[in-house]
């Protein structure tokens, strides 16, 4: 199964530049180190945003969790990186109840062979 509404997926700029690519963010700095090691940079957050949208559209949904507030989707697989490599990534998306567009919650390295 693919992520529903992936063509309209929202990746907030602050989520990318202020968290996933922020070496200063307490919780995001380890994710920033990971993504930066593959050529993503804080100077060009749109590159990571596009890669995450493509990841959501092309990879399979690994888990779905329903709640009264909406549905959480976990997408897993390789993601194209600026340096030409393809790291394994888990991205998490949320579609609020009554909405159709998924919004990025987070993304992080997926250790191959581990759930």
N, C-alpha and C. Protein backbone atom coordinates (compact mmCIF):
# COMPACT_ATOMS: atom_id res chain seq x y z
N UNK A 1 0.84 -1.18 0.00
CA UNK A 1 0.00 0.00 0.00
C UNK A 1 0.89 1.24 0.00
N UNK A 2 0.49 2.20 -0.81
CA UNK A 2 1.18 3.49 -0.86
C UNK A 2 0.48 4.48 0.07
N UNK A 3 1.20 5.53 0.45
CA UNK A 3 0.64 6.56 1.31
C UNK A 3 -0.51 7.27 0.60
N UNK A 4 -1.71 7.26 1.18
CA UNK A 4 -2.83 7.97 0.56
C UNK A 4 -2.54 9.47 0.48
N UNK A 5 -2.89 10.07 -0.64
CA UNK A 5 -2.71 11.51 -0.80
C UNK A 5 -1.27 11.95 -0.91
N UNK A 6 -0.37 11.04 -1.25
CA UNK A 6 1.06 11.38 -1.31
C UNK A 6 1.35 12.53 -2.27
N UNK A 7 0.54 12.66 -3.31
CA UNK A 7 0.77 13.75 -4.27
C UNK A 7 0.52 15.13 -3.66
N UNK A 8 -0.17 15.16 -2.52
CA UNK A 8 -0.44 16.43 -1.82
C UNK A 8 0.29 16.50 -0.48
N UNK A 9 1.28 15.64 -0.28
CA UNK A 9 2.00 15.57 1.01
C UNK A 9 2.62 16.92 1.39
N UNK A 10 2.43 17.28 2.65
CA UNK A 10 2.96 18.54 3.18
C UNK A 10 4.20 18.26 4.02
N UNK A 11 5.26 19.02 3.71
CA UNK A 11 6.50 18.93 4.48
C UNK A 11 6.80 20.34 4.97
N UNK A 12 6.39 20.67 6.20
CA UNK A 12 6.60 22.03 6.71
C UNK A 12 8.09 22.42 6.72
N UNK A 13 8.39 23.60 6.22
CA UNK A 13 9.78 24.06 6.16
C UNK A 13 10.44 24.05 7.54
N UNK A 14 9.69 24.47 8.55
CA UNK A 14 10.25 24.51 9.91
C UNK A 14 10.61 23.10 10.39
N UNK A 15 9.85 22.10 9.98
CA UNK A 15 10.14 20.72 10.37
C UNK A 15 11.49 20.28 9.79
N UNK A 16 11.76 20.72 8.56
CA UNK A 16 13.01 20.34 7.90
C UNK A 16 14.17 21.18 8.40
N UNK A 17 14.05 22.51 8.28
CA UNK A 17 15.19 23.36 8.64
C UNK A 17 15.37 23.50 10.15
N UNK A 18 14.29 23.51 10.90
CA UNK A 18 14.39 23.72 12.35
C UNK A 18 14.55 22.45 13.16
N UNK A 19 14.43 21.29 12.50
CA UNK A 19 14.48 20.03 13.25
C UNK A 19 15.37 18.99 12.55
N UNK A 20 14.96 18.54 11.36
CA UNK A 20 15.69 17.45 10.70
C UNK A 20 17.09 17.84 10.24
N UNK A 21 17.30 19.12 9.96
CA UNK A 21 18.62 19.56 9.51
C UNK A 21 19.29 20.52 10.49
N UNK A 22 18.77 20.58 11.72
CA UNK A 22 19.31 21.50 12.71
C UNK A 22 20.30 20.79 13.65
N UNK A 23 21.57 21.13 13.50
CA UNK A 23 22.60 20.55 14.37
C UNK A 23 22.47 21.08 15.79
N UNK A 24 21.70 22.15 15.98
CA UNK A 24 21.54 22.75 17.31
C UNK A 24 20.31 22.23 18.05
N UNK A 25 19.41 21.56 17.36
CA UNK A 25 18.19 21.08 17.99
C UNK A 25 18.50 19.88 18.89
N UNK A 26 18.04 19.94 20.11
CA UNK A 26 18.34 18.90 21.10
C UNK A 26 17.96 17.50 20.61
N UNK A 27 16.76 17.37 20.06
CA UNK A 27 16.30 16.06 19.60
C UNK A 27 16.64 15.80 18.14
N UNK A 28 16.78 16.84 17.35
CA UNK A 28 17.01 16.67 15.92
C UNK A 28 18.45 16.58 15.49
N UNK A 29 19.38 16.91 16.36
CA UNK A 29 20.78 17.00 15.92
C UNK A 29 21.33 15.68 15.40
N UNK A 30 20.88 14.56 15.94
CA UNK A 30 21.37 13.26 15.46
C UNK A 30 20.79 12.95 14.09
N UNK A 31 19.55 13.37 13.86
CA UNK A 31 18.94 13.21 12.55
C UNK A 31 19.65 14.12 11.55
N UNK A 32 19.98 15.33 11.99
CA UNK A 32 20.70 16.27 11.12
C UNK A 32 22.04 15.68 10.70
N UNK A 33 22.75 15.08 11.62
CA UNK A 33 24.05 14.48 11.29
C UNK A 33 23.86 13.38 10.25
N UNK A 34 22.82 12.58 10.41
CA UNK A 34 22.53 11.51 9.45
C UNK A 34 22.25 12.08 8.07
N UNK A 35 21.30 12.99 7.98
CA UNK A 35 20.92 13.53 6.67
C UNK A 35 22.06 14.32 6.04
N UNK A 36 22.81 15.07 6.83
CA UNK A 36 23.92 15.85 6.29
C UNK A 36 25.04 14.93 5.77
N UNK A 37 25.20 13.77 6.36
CA UNK A 37 26.21 12.81 5.90
C UNK A 37 25.91 12.32 4.48
N UNK A 38 24.67 12.47 4.04
CA UNK A 38 24.27 12.04 2.70
C UNK A 38 24.12 13.22 1.74
N UNK A 39 24.58 14.41 2.17
CA UNK A 39 24.60 15.56 1.28
C UNK A 39 23.45 16.53 1.41
N UNK A 40 22.51 16.29 2.31
CA UNK A 40 21.45 17.25 2.56
C UNK A 40 22.03 18.37 3.42
N UNK A 41 21.62 19.62 3.17
CA UNK A 41 22.20 20.74 3.91
C UNK A 41 21.11 21.67 4.44
N UNK A 42 21.45 22.36 5.51
CA UNK A 42 20.54 23.34 6.10
C UNK A 42 20.35 24.53 5.16
N UNK A 43 21.31 24.76 4.26
CA UNK A 43 21.21 25.86 3.30
C UNK A 43 20.17 25.59 2.21
N UNK A 44 19.82 24.33 2.02
CA UNK A 44 18.86 23.95 0.97
C UNK A 44 17.85 22.95 1.52
N UNK A 45 17.01 23.37 2.48
CA UNK A 45 16.06 22.44 3.09
C UNK A 45 15.05 21.88 2.10
N UNK A 46 14.80 22.61 1.00
CA UNK A 46 13.85 22.14 -0.01
C UNK A 46 14.30 20.84 -0.67
N UNK A 47 15.61 20.58 -0.70
CA UNK A 47 16.12 19.34 -1.30
C UNK A 47 15.68 18.15 -0.45
N UNK A 48 15.80 18.26 0.86
CA UNK A 48 15.33 17.19 1.74
C UNK A 48 13.82 17.07 1.68
N UNK A 49 13.12 18.19 1.65
CA UNK A 49 11.65 18.16 1.57
C UNK A 49 11.19 17.41 0.33
N UNK A 50 11.81 17.69 -0.82
CA UNK A 50 11.45 16.99 -2.07
C UNK A 50 11.76 15.50 -1.97
N UNK A 51 12.91 15.17 -1.39
CA UNK A 51 13.29 13.76 -1.25
C UNK A 51 12.30 13.02 -0.35
N UNK A 52 11.84 13.67 0.71
CA UNK A 52 10.86 13.05 1.61
C UNK A 52 9.51 12.87 0.92
N UNK A 53 9.10 13.82 0.12
CA UNK A 53 7.85 13.68 -0.63
C UNK A 53 7.95 12.52 -1.62
N UNK A 54 9.08 12.42 -2.30
CA UNK A 54 9.30 11.34 -3.26
C UNK A 54 9.32 9.99 -2.53
N UNK A 55 9.99 9.96 -1.38
CA UNK A 55 10.04 8.75 -0.54
C UNK A 55 8.62 8.31 -0.19
N UNK A 56 7.79 9.25 0.23
CA UNK A 56 6.41 8.95 0.62
C UNK A 56 5.59 8.43 -0.55
N UNK A 57 5.83 8.94 -1.74
CA UNK A 57 5.06 8.55 -2.92
C UNK A 57 5.50 7.21 -3.49
N UNK A 58 6.80 6.90 -3.36
CA UNK A 58 7.34 5.73 -4.04
C UNK A 58 7.47 4.48 -3.17
N UNK A 59 7.58 4.65 -1.88
CA UNK A 59 7.81 3.50 -0.99
C UNK A 59 6.51 3.01 -0.38
N UNK A 60 6.57 1.82 0.17
CA UNK A 60 5.38 1.20 0.75
C UNK A 60 5.14 1.65 2.19
N UNK A 61 3.88 1.69 2.57
CA UNK A 61 3.50 1.95 3.95
C UNK A 61 3.77 0.68 4.74
N UNK A 62 4.53 0.80 5.83
CA UNK A 62 4.89 -0.36 6.65
C UNK A 62 3.95 -0.54 7.83
N UNK A 63 3.30 0.54 8.27
CA UNK A 63 2.40 0.46 9.42
C UNK A 63 1.37 1.58 9.34
N UNK A 64 0.18 1.29 9.86
CA UNK A 64 -0.91 2.25 9.92
C UNK A 64 -1.49 2.20 11.32
N UNK A 65 -1.72 3.38 11.90
CA UNK A 65 -2.30 3.45 13.24
C UNK A 65 -3.43 4.47 13.24
N UNK A 66 -4.62 4.00 13.52
CA UNK A 66 -5.80 4.87 13.56
C UNK A 66 -5.95 5.48 14.96
N UNK A 67 -6.47 6.69 15.01
CA UNK A 67 -6.79 7.33 16.28
C UNK A 67 -8.02 8.21 16.05
N UNK A 68 -8.63 8.71 17.11
CA UNK A 68 -9.77 9.62 16.93
C UNK A 68 -9.38 10.91 16.20
N UNK A 69 -8.11 11.22 16.19
CA UNK A 69 -7.63 12.47 15.59
C UNK A 69 -7.23 12.33 14.13
N UNK A 70 -7.02 11.08 13.69
CA UNK A 70 -6.59 10.85 12.32
C UNK A 70 -5.83 9.55 12.20
N UNK A 71 -5.04 9.44 11.13
CA UNK A 71 -4.32 8.20 10.85
C UNK A 71 -2.84 8.49 10.68
N UNK A 72 -2.04 7.68 11.34
CA UNK A 72 -0.58 7.77 11.28
C UNK A 72 -0.08 6.68 10.34
N UNK A 73 0.79 7.08 9.40
CA UNK A 73 1.36 6.14 8.43
C UNK A 73 2.88 6.15 8.57
N UNK A 74 3.46 4.96 8.55
CA UNK A 74 4.91 4.81 8.58
C UNK A 74 5.34 4.29 7.22
N UNK A 75 6.24 5.00 6.57
CA UNK A 75 6.74 4.63 5.25
C UNK A 75 8.22 4.28 5.40
N UNK A 76 8.60 3.14 4.84
CA UNK A 76 9.99 2.70 4.97
C UNK A 76 10.58 2.35 3.61
N UNK A 77 11.87 2.61 3.49
CA UNK A 77 12.59 2.23 2.27
C UNK A 77 13.73 3.18 2.01
N UNK A 78 14.38 2.94 0.89
CA UNK A 78 15.51 3.80 0.54
C UNK A 78 15.00 5.15 0.05
N UNK A 79 15.87 6.15 0.18
CA UNK A 79 15.55 7.50 -0.26
C UNK A 79 16.75 8.03 -1.03
N UNK A 80 16.49 8.63 -2.15
CA UNK A 80 17.58 9.20 -2.94
C UNK A 80 18.21 10.37 -2.20
N UNK A 81 19.55 10.39 -2.18
CA UNK A 81 20.28 11.45 -1.49
C UNK A 81 21.11 12.25 -2.51
N UNK A 82 21.43 13.50 -2.17
CA UNK A 82 22.20 14.34 -3.09
C UNK A 82 23.58 13.78 -3.45
N UNK A 83 24.17 12.98 -2.56
CA UNK A 83 25.50 12.45 -2.86
C UNK A 83 25.46 11.17 -3.69
N UNK A 84 24.26 10.76 -4.13
CA UNK A 84 24.12 9.60 -4.98
C UNK A 84 23.87 8.29 -4.25
N UNK A 85 23.99 8.31 -2.94
CA UNK A 85 23.71 7.09 -2.17
C UNK A 85 22.22 7.01 -1.87
N UNK A 86 21.80 5.90 -1.30
CA UNK A 86 20.38 5.68 -1.03
C UNK A 86 20.21 5.11 0.38
N UNK A 87 20.18 6.00 1.39
CA UNK A 87 20.03 5.51 2.76
C UNK A 87 18.62 4.96 3.00
N UNK A 88 18.53 4.01 3.92
CA UNK A 88 17.23 3.48 4.34
C UNK A 88 16.64 4.45 5.36
N UNK A 89 15.41 4.88 5.11
CA UNK A 89 14.76 5.91 5.93
C UNK A 89 13.36 5.45 6.32
N UNK A 90 12.98 5.82 7.52
CA UNK A 90 11.59 5.66 7.97
C UNK A 90 11.02 7.07 8.09
N UNK A 91 9.93 7.33 7.39
CA UNK A 91 9.25 8.62 7.52
C UNK A 91 7.86 8.35 8.09
N UNK A 92 7.41 9.28 8.91
CA UNK A 92 6.12 9.15 9.57
C UNK A 92 5.24 10.31 9.13
N UNK A 93 4.02 9.98 8.72
CA UNK A 93 3.08 10.95 8.18
C UNK A 93 1.77 10.85 8.93
N UNK A 94 1.03 11.96 8.98
CA UNK A 94 -0.25 11.97 9.69
C UNK A 94 -1.29 12.65 8.82
N UNK A 95 -2.45 12.00 8.70
CA UNK A 95 -3.58 12.61 8.01
C UNK A 95 -4.65 12.85 9.06
N UNK A 96 -4.94 14.11 9.32
CA UNK A 96 -5.94 14.46 10.33
C UNK A 96 -7.32 14.00 9.88
N UNK A 97 -8.16 13.65 10.85
CA UNK A 97 -9.53 13.22 10.56
C UNK A 97 -10.23 14.30 9.73
N UNK A 98 -10.86 13.88 8.65
CA UNK A 98 -11.56 14.82 7.79
C UNK A 98 -10.70 15.48 6.74
N UNK A 99 -9.38 15.23 6.77
CA UNK A 99 -8.46 15.82 5.80
C UNK A 99 -7.99 14.74 4.82
N UNK A 100 -7.31 15.15 3.75
CA UNK A 100 -6.82 14.20 2.76
C UNK A 100 -5.31 14.24 2.60
N UNK A 101 -4.68 15.37 2.92
CA UNK A 101 -3.25 15.53 2.69
C UNK A 101 -2.44 15.05 3.90
N UNK A 102 -1.48 14.18 3.65
CA UNK A 102 -0.60 13.76 4.76
C UNK A 102 0.41 14.87 5.09
N UNK A 103 0.76 14.98 6.36
CA UNK A 103 1.74 15.95 6.83
C UNK A 103 2.89 15.19 7.48
N UNK A 104 4.11 15.58 7.16
CA UNK A 104 5.28 14.93 7.75
C UNK A 104 5.33 15.15 9.25
N UNK A 105 5.54 14.07 9.98
CA UNK A 105 5.72 14.14 11.43
C UNK A 105 7.21 14.09 11.73
N UNK A 106 7.91 13.11 11.17
CA UNK A 106 9.34 12.97 11.39
C UNK A 106 9.93 12.03 10.36
N UNK A 107 11.24 11.97 10.34
CA UNK A 107 11.97 11.02 9.49
C UNK A 107 13.28 10.72 10.20
N UNK A 108 13.76 9.49 10.03
CA UNK A 108 15.00 9.11 10.68
C UNK A 108 15.57 7.86 10.02
N UNK A 109 16.83 7.53 10.33
CA UNK A 109 17.45 6.36 9.71
C UNK A 109 16.70 5.09 10.08
N UNK A 110 16.61 4.22 9.10
CA UNK A 110 16.01 2.91 9.32
C UNK A 110 17.14 1.90 9.29
N UNK A 111 17.37 1.27 10.42
CA UNK A 111 18.41 0.24 10.47
C UNK A 111 17.88 -0.96 9.74
N UNK A 112 18.59 -1.37 8.72
CA UNK A 112 18.14 -2.51 7.93
C UNK A 112 18.05 -3.75 8.80
N UNK A 113 16.93 -4.44 8.66
CA UNK A 113 16.73 -5.66 9.43
C UNK A 113 16.11 -5.45 10.79
N UNK A 114 15.82 -4.18 11.16
CA UNK A 114 15.21 -3.91 12.45
C UNK A 114 13.86 -3.24 12.26
N UNK A 115 12.88 -3.59 13.07
CA UNK A 115 11.56 -2.94 12.95
C UNK A 115 11.56 -1.54 13.51
